[in-house]
Amino acid sequence: FTISRDNAKNTVYLQMNNLNPEDTA
């Protein structure tokens, strides 16, 4: 997982890779 932010867009992102069923939430 990688968190990032774009201040110009007032947005925060969470990139989630190689997801597995335990990530269900």
PDB file of all heavy atoms in Angstrom:
ATOM      1  N   PHE A   1       0.846  -1.192   0.000  1.00  0.00           N
ATOM      2  CA  PHE A   1       0.000   0.000   0.000  1.00  0.00           C
ATOM      3  C   PHE A   1       0.890   1.254   0.000  1.00  0.00           C
ATOM      4  O   PHE A   1       1.927   1.272   0.664  1.00  0.00           O
ATOM      5  CB  PHE A   1      -0.903   0.027   1.233  1.00  0.00           C
ATOM      6  CG  PHE A   1      -2.022  -0.987   1.220  1.00  0.00           C
ATOM      7  CD1 PHE A   1      -2.016  -2.070   0.356  1.00  0.00           C
ATOM      8  CD2 PHE A   1      -3.086  -0.845   2.095  1.00  0.00           C
ATOM      9  CE1 PHE A   1      -3.049  -2.999   0.351  1.00  0.00           C
ATOM     10  CE2 PHE A   1      -4.128  -1.757   2.110  1.00  0.00           C
ATOM     11  CZ  PHE A   1      -4.106  -2.824   1.242  1.00  0.00           C
ATOM     12  N   THR A   2       0.430   2.272  -0.703  1.00  0.00           N
ATOM     13  CA  THR A   2       1.155   3.537  -0.746  1.00  0.00           C
ATOM     14  C   THR A   2       0.180   4.689  -0.582  1.00  0.00           C
ATOM     15  O   THR A   2      -0.799   4.779  -1.326  1.00  0.00           O
ATOM     16  CB  THR A   2       1.912   3.702  -2.072  1.00  0.00           C
ATOM     17  OG1 THR A   2       2.810   2.591  -2.254  1.00  0.00           O
ATOM     18  CG2 THR A   2       2.718   4.988  -2.067  1.00  0.00           C
ATOM     19  N   ILE A   3       0.460   5.561   0.374  1.00  0.00           N
ATOM     20  CA  ILE A   3      -0.366   6.761   0.573  1.00  0.00           C
ATOM     21  C   ILE A   3       0.340   7.943  -0.059  1.00  0.00           C
ATOM     22  O   ILE A   3       1.581   8.047  -0.015  1.00  0.00           O
ATOM     23  CB  ILE A   3      -0.644   7.003   2.077  1.00  0.00           C
ATOM     24  CG1 ILE A   3      -1.676   8.115   2.253  1.00  0.00           C
ATOM     25  CG2 ILE A   3       0.640   7.303   2.829  1.00  0.00           C
ATOM     26  CD1 ILE A   3      -2.172   8.251   3.704  1.00  0.00           C
ATOM     27  N   SER A   4      -0.441   8.826  -0.657  1.00  0.00           N
ATOM     28  CA  SER A   4       0.131  10.024  -1.260  1.00  0.00           C
ATOM     29  C   SER A   4      -0.902  11.139  -1.189  1.00  0.00           C
ATOM     30  O   SER A   4      -2.078  10.891  -0.880  1.00  0.00           O
ATOM     31  CB  SER A   4       0.544   9.772  -2.715  1.00  0.00           C
ATOM     32  OG  SER A   4      -0.587   9.412  -3.498  1.00  0.00           O
ATOM     33  N   ARG A   5      -0.460  12.347  -1.466  1.00  0.00           N
ATOM     34  CA  ARG A   5      -1.378  13.478  -1.388  1.00  0.00           C
ATOM     35  C   ARG A   5      -1.108  14.434  -2.533  1.00  0.00           C
ATOM     36  O   ARG A   5       0.028  14.557  -3.008  1.00  0.00           O
ATOM     37  CB  ARG A   5      -1.223  14.197  -0.049  1.00  0.00           C
ATOM     38  CG  ARG A   5       0.164  14.745   0.203  1.00  0.00           C
ATOM     39  CD  ARG A   5       0.342  15.135   1.670  1.00  0.00           C
ATOM     40  NE  ARG A   5      -0.498  16.272   2.025  1.00  0.00           N
ATOM     41  CZ  ARG A   5      -0.823  16.581   3.276  1.00  0.00           C
ATOM     42  NH1 ARG A   5      -0.407  15.843   4.274  1.00  0.00           N
ATOM     43  NH2 ARG A   5      -1.565  17.637   3.521  1.00  0.00           N
ATOM     44  N   ASP A   6      -2.149  15.105  -2.959  1.00  0.00           N
ATOM     45  CA  ASP A   6      -2.053  16.157  -3.975  1.00  0.00           C
ATOM     46  C   ASP A   6      -2.686  17.396  -3.357  1.00  0.00           C
ATOM     47  O   ASP A   6      -3.911  17.532  -3.332  1.00  0.00           O
ATOM     48  CB  ASP A   6      -2.775  15.731  -5.250  1.00  0.00           C
ATOM     49  CG  ASP A   6      -2.600  16.728  -6.381  1.00  0.00           C
ATOM     50  OD1 ASP A   6      -2.370  17.928  -6.102  1.00  0.00           O
ATOM     51  OD2 ASP A   6      -2.710  16.319  -7.547  1.00  0.00           O
ATOM     52  N   ASN A   7      -1.853  18.287  -2.866  1.00  0.00           N
ATOM     53  CA  ASN A   7      -2.380  19.472  -2.181  1.00  0.00           C
ATOM     54  C   ASN A   7      -3.196  20.357  -3.116  1.00  0.00           C
ATOM     55  O   ASN A   7      -4.159  20.991  -2.687  1.00  0.00           O
ATOM     56  CB  ASN A   7      -1.235  20.264  -1.565  1.00  0.00           C
ATOM     57  CG  ASN A   7      -0.616  19.558  -0.372  1.00  0.00           C
ATOM     58  OD1 ASN A   7      -1.172  18.609   0.169  1.00  0.00           O
ATOM     59  ND2 ASN A   7       0.554  20.033   0.037  1.00  0.00           N
ATOM     60  N   ALA A   8      -2.819  20.394  -4.370  1.00  0.00           N
ATOM     61  CA  ALA A   8      -3.541  21.243  -5.318  1.00  0.00           C
ATOM     62  C   ALA A   8      -4.976  20.765  -5.515  1.00  0.00           C
ATOM     63  O   ALA A   8      -5.883  21.566  -5.768  1.00  0.00           O
ATOM     64  CB  ALA A   8      -2.805  21.274  -6.651  1.00  0.00           C
ATOM     65  N   LYS A   9      -5.181  19.450  -5.383  1.00  0.00           N
ATOM     66  CA  LYS A   9      -6.515  18.883  -5.552  1.00  0.00           C
ATOM     67  C   LYS A   9      -7.195  18.591  -4.214  1.00  0.00           C
ATOM     68  O   LYS A   9      -8.316  18.092  -4.193  1.00  0.00           O
ATOM     69  CB  LYS A   9      -6.430  17.591  -6.372  1.00  0.00           C
ATOM     70  CG  LYS A   9      -5.960  17.804  -7.802  1.00  0.00           C
ATOM     71  CD  LYS A   9      -5.960  16.485  -8.582  1.00  0.00           C
ATOM     72  CE  LYS A   9      -5.531  16.704 -10.020  1.00  0.00           C
ATOM     73  NZ  LYS A   9      -5.527  15.445 -10.804  1.00  0.00           N
ATOM     74  N   ASN A  10      -6.497  18.900  -3.135  1.00  0.00           N
ATOM     75  CA  ASN A  10      -7.033  18.611  -1.793  1.00  0.00           C
ATOM     76  C   ASN A  10      -7.488  17.158  -1.684  1.00  0.00           C
ATOM     77  O   ASN A  10      -8.579  16.857  -1.167  1.00  0.00           O
ATOM     78  CB  ASN A  10      -8.185  19.558  -1.452  1.00  0.00           C
ATOM     79  CG  ASN A  10      -7.700  20.975  -1.259  1.00  0.00           C
ATOM     80  OD1 ASN A  10      -6.664  21.213  -0.627  1.00  0.00           O
ATOM     81  ND2 ASN A  10      -8.421  21.928  -1.819  1.00  0.00           N
ATOM     82  N   THR A  11      -6.649  16.285  -2.166  1.00  0.00           N
ATOM     83  CA  THR A  11      -6.998  14.875  -2.241  1.00  0.00           C
ATOM     84  C   THR A  11      -5.844  14.010  -1.740  1.00  0.00           C
ATOM     85  O   THR A  11      -4.682  14.300  -2.040  1.00  0.00           O
ATOM     86  CB  THR A  11      -7.357  14.477  -3.687  1.00  0.00           C
ATOM     87  OG1 THR A  11      -8.472  15.258  -4.118  1.00  0.00           O
ATOM     88  CG2 THR A  11      -7.735  13.007  -3.763  1.00  0.00           C
ATOM     89  N   VAL A  12      -6.200  12.981  -1.010  1.00  0.00           N
ATOM     90  CA  VAL A  12      -5.249  11.972  -0.561  1.00  0.00           C
ATOM     91  C   VAL A  12      -5.616  10.652  -1.221  1.00  0.00           C
ATOM     92  O   VAL A  12      -6.796  10.339  -1.375  1.00  0.00           O
ATOM     93  CB  VAL A  12      -5.264  11.830   0.972  1.00  0.00           C
ATOM     94  CG1 VAL A  12      -4.432  10.653   1.421  1.00  0.00           C
ATOM     95  CG2 VAL A  12      -4.755  13.100   1.621  1.00  0.00           C
ATOM     96  N   TYR A  13      -4.598   9.906  -1.578  1.00  0.00           N
ATOM     97  CA  TYR A  13      -4.811   8.651  -2.287  1.00  0.00           C
ATOM     98  C   TYR A  13      -4.239   7.475  -1.497  1.00  0.00           C
ATOM     99  O   TYR A  13      -3.311   7.627  -0.717  1.00  0.00           O
ATOM    100  CB  TYR A  13      -4.125   8.692  -3.662  1.00  0.00           C
ATOM    101  CG  TYR A  13      -4.561   9.840  -4.531  1.00  0.00           C
ATOM    102  CD1 TYR A  13      -3.814  11.015  -4.595  1.00  0.00           C
ATOM    103  CD2 TYR A  13      -5.740   9.758  -5.280  1.00  0.00           C
ATOM    104  CE1 TYR A  13      -4.209  12.069  -5.395  1.00  0.00           C
ATOM    105  CE2 TYR A  13      -6.144  10.809  -6.086  1.00  0.00           C
ATOM    106  CZ  TYR A  13      -5.378  11.965  -6.127  1.00  0.00           C
ATOM    107  OH  TYR A  13      -5.781  13.015  -6.921  1.00  0.00           O
ATOM    108  N   LEU A  14      -4.802   6.322  -1.764  1.00  0.00           N
ATOM    109  CA  LEU A  14      -4.242   5.085  -1.232  1.00  0.00           C
ATOM    110  C   LEU A  14      -4.163   4.091  -2.382  1.00  0.00           C
ATOM    111  O   LEU A  14      -5.194   3.623  -2.868  1.00  0.00           O
ATOM    112  CB  LEU A  14      -5.103   4.510  -0.098  1.00  0.00           C
ATOM    113  CG  LEU A  14      -4.531   3.249   0.552  1.00  0.00           C
ATOM    114  CD1 LEU A  14      -3.258   3.595   1.334  1.00  0.00           C
ATOM    115  CD2 LEU A  14      -5.560   2.607   1.480  1.00  0.00           C
ATOM    116  N   GLN A  15      -2.957   3.827  -2.822  1.00  0.00           N
ATOM    117  CA  GLN A  15      -2.740   2.830  -3.860  1.00  0.00           C
ATOM    118  C   GLN A  15      -2.553   1.474  -3.192  1.00  0.00           C
ATOM    119  O   GLN A  15      -1.677   1.318  -2.339  1.00  0.00           O
ATOM    120  CB  GLN A  15      -1.504   3.176  -4.687  1.00  0.00           C
ATOM    121  CG  GLN A  15      -1.165   2.159  -5.764  1.00  0.00           C
ATOM    122  CD  GLN A  15      -2.208   2.106  -6.864  1.00  0.00           C
ATOM    123  OE1 GLN A  15      -2.704   3.128  -7.311  1.00  0.00           O
ATOM    124  NE2 GLN A  15      -2.552   0.898  -7.307  1.00  0.00           N
ATOM    125  N   MET A  16      -3.378   0.519  -3.589  1.00  0.00           N
ATOM    126  CA  MET A  16      -3.352  -0.811  -2.969  1.00  0.00           C
ATOM    127  C   MET A  16      -3.052  -1.842  -4.051  1.00  0.00           C
ATOM    128  O   MET A  16      -3.778  -1.956  -5.035  1.00  0.00           O
ATOM    129  CB  MET A  16      -4.703  -1.107  -2.312  1.00  0.00           C
ATOM    130  CG  MET A  16      -5.137  -0.053  -1.318  1.00  0.00           C
ATOM    131  SD  MET A  16      -6.665  -0.489  -0.438  1.00  0.00           S
ATOM    132  CE  MET A  16      -7.840  -0.473  -1.779  1.00  0.00           C
ATOM    133  N   ASN A  17      -1.957  -2.556  -3.868  1.00  0.00           N
ATOM    134  CA  ASN A  17      -1.532  -3.561  -4.836  1.00  0.00           C
ATOM    135  C   ASN A  17      -1.542  -4.950  -4.216  1.00  0.00           C
ATOM    136  O   ASN A  17      -1.504  -5.109  -2.992  1.00  0.00           O
ATOM    137  CB  ASN A  17      -0.130  -3.234  -5.345  1.00  0.00           C
ATOM    138  CG  ASN A  17      -0.060  -1.911  -6.071  1.00  0.00           C
ATOM    139  OD1 ASN A  17      -1.015  -1.497  -6.731  1.00  0.00           O
ATOM    140  ND2 ASN A  17       1.060  -1.221  -5.945  1.00  0.00           N
ATOM    141  N   ASN A  18      -1.574  -5.943  -5.098  1.00  0.00           N
ATOM    142  CA  ASN A  18      -1.528  -7.344  -4.673  1.00  0.00           C
ATOM    143  C   ASN A  18      -2.540  -7.610  -3.551  1.00  0.00           C
ATOM    144  O   ASN A  18      -2.194  -8.175  -2.507  1.00  0.00           O
ATOM    145  CB  ASN A  18      -0.118  -7.713  -4.225  1.00  0.00           C
ATOM    146  CG  ASN A  18       0.066  -9.212  -4.089  1.00  0.00           C
ATOM    147  OD1 ASN A  18      -0.659  -9.992  -4.693  1.00  0.00           O
ATOM    148  ND2 ASN A  18       1.039  -9.599  -3.280  1.00  0.00           N
ATOM    149  N   LEU A  19      -3.755  -7.199  -3.794  1.00  0.00           N
ATOM    150  CA  LEU A  19      -4.797  -7.344  -2.781  1.00  0.00           C
ATOM    151  C   LEU A  19      -5.147  -8.804  -2.535  1.00  0.00           C
ATOM    152  O   LEU A  19      -5.076  -9.636  -3.457  1.00  0.00           O
ATOM    153  CB  LEU A  19      -6.037  -6.565  -3.210  1.00  0.00           C
ATOM    154  CG  LEU A  19      -5.893  -5.043  -3.117  1.00  0.00           C
ATOM    155  CD1 LEU A  19      -6.949  -4.347  -3.969  1.00  0.00           C
ATOM    156  CD2 LEU A  19      -5.994  -4.594  -1.673  1.00  0.00           C
ATOM    157  N   ASN A  20      -5.514  -9.094  -1.308  1.00  0.00           N
ATOM    158  CA  ASN A  20      -5.948 -10.442  -0.943  1.00  0.00           C
ATOM    159  C   ASN A  20      -7.254 -10.352  -0.157  1.00  0.00           C
ATOM    160  O   ASN A  20      -7.643  -9.263   0.292  1.00  0.00           O
ATOM    161  CB  ASN A  20      -4.855 -11.166  -0.163  1.00  0.00           C
ATOM    162  CG  ASN A  20      -4.471 -10.439   1.099  1.00  0.00           C
ATOM    163  OD1 ASN A  20      -5.294 -10.308   2.008  1.00  0.00           O
ATOM    164  ND2 ASN A  20      -3.237  -9.962   1.175  1.00  0.00           N
ATOM    165  N   PRO A  21      -7.950 -11.465   0.012  1.00  0.00           N
ATOM    166  CA  PRO A  21      -9.257 -11.406   0.676  1.00  0.00           C
ATOM    167  C   PRO A  21      -9.220 -10.791   2.075  1.00  0.00           C
ATOM    168  O   PRO A  21     -10.231 -10.227   2.516  1.00  0.00           O
ATOM    169  CB  PRO A  21      -9.666 -12.884   0.725  1.00  0.00           C
ATOM    170  CG  PRO A  21      -9.011 -13.492  -0.470  1.00  0.00           C
ATOM    171  CD  PRO A  21      -7.688 -12.796  -0.576  1.00  0.00           C
ATOM    172  N   GLU A  22      -8.077 -10.876   2.752  1.00  0.00           N
ATOM    173  CA  GLU A  22      -7.962 -10.284   4.084  1.00  0.00           C
ATOM    174  C   GLU A  22      -7.990  -8.760   4.050  1.00  0.00           C
ATOM    175  O   GLU A  22      -8.117  -8.107   5.095  1.00  0.00           O
ATOM    176  CB  GLU A  22      -6.685 -10.756   4.778  1.00  0.00           C
ATOM    177  CG  GLU A  22      -6.682 -12.238   5.203  1.00  0.00           C
ATOM    178  CD  GLU A  22      -6.637 -13.179   4.018  1.00  0.00           C
ATOM    179  OE1 GLU A  22      -5.916 -12.885   3.031  1.00  0.00           O
ATOM    180  OE2 GLU A  22      -7.340 -14.220   4.074  1.00  0.00           O
ATOM    181  N   ASP A  23      -7.861  -8.185   2.884  1.00  0.00           N
ATOM    182  CA  ASP A  23      -7.933  -6.727   2.735  1.00  0.00           C
ATOM    183  C   ASP A  23      -9.377  -6.246   2.600  1.00  0.00           C
ATOM    184  O   ASP A  23      -9.627  -5.031   2.542  1.00  0.00           O
ATOM    185  CB  ASP A  23      -7.141  -6.273   1.519  1.00  0.00           C
ATOM    186  CG  ASP A  23      -5.653  -6.559   1.665  1.00  0.00           C
ATOM    187  OD1 ASP A  23      -5.109  -6.312   2.748  1.00  0.00           O
ATOM    188  OD2 ASP A  23      -5.047  -7.033   0.682  1.00  0.00           O
ATOM    189  N   THR A  24     -10.313  -7.157   2.538  1.00  0.00           N
ATOM    190  CA  THR A  24     -11.726  -6.788   2.440  1.00  0.00           C
ATOM    191  C   THR A  24     -12.158  -6.041   3.690  1.00  0.00           C
ATOM    192  O   THR A  24     -11.991  -6.524   4.805  1.00  0.00           O
ATOM    193  CB  THR A  24     -12.601  -8.043   2.254  1.00  0.00           C
ATOM    194  OG1 THR A  24     -12.284  -8.659   1.007  1.00  0.00           O
ATOM    195  CG2 THR A  24     -14.076  -7.684   2.281  1.00  0.00           C
ATOM    196  N   ALA A  25     -12.693  -4.843   3.485  1.00  0.00           N
ATOM    197  CA  ALA A  25     -13.082  -3.987   4.610  1.00  0.00           C
ATOM    198  C   ALA A  25     -13.722  -2.715   4.059  1.00  0.00           C
ATOM    199  O   ALA A  25     -13.669  -2.450   2.852  1.00  0.00           O
ATOM    200  CB  ALA A  25     -11.871  -3.630   5.464  1.00  0.00           C
TER     201      ALA A  25
END
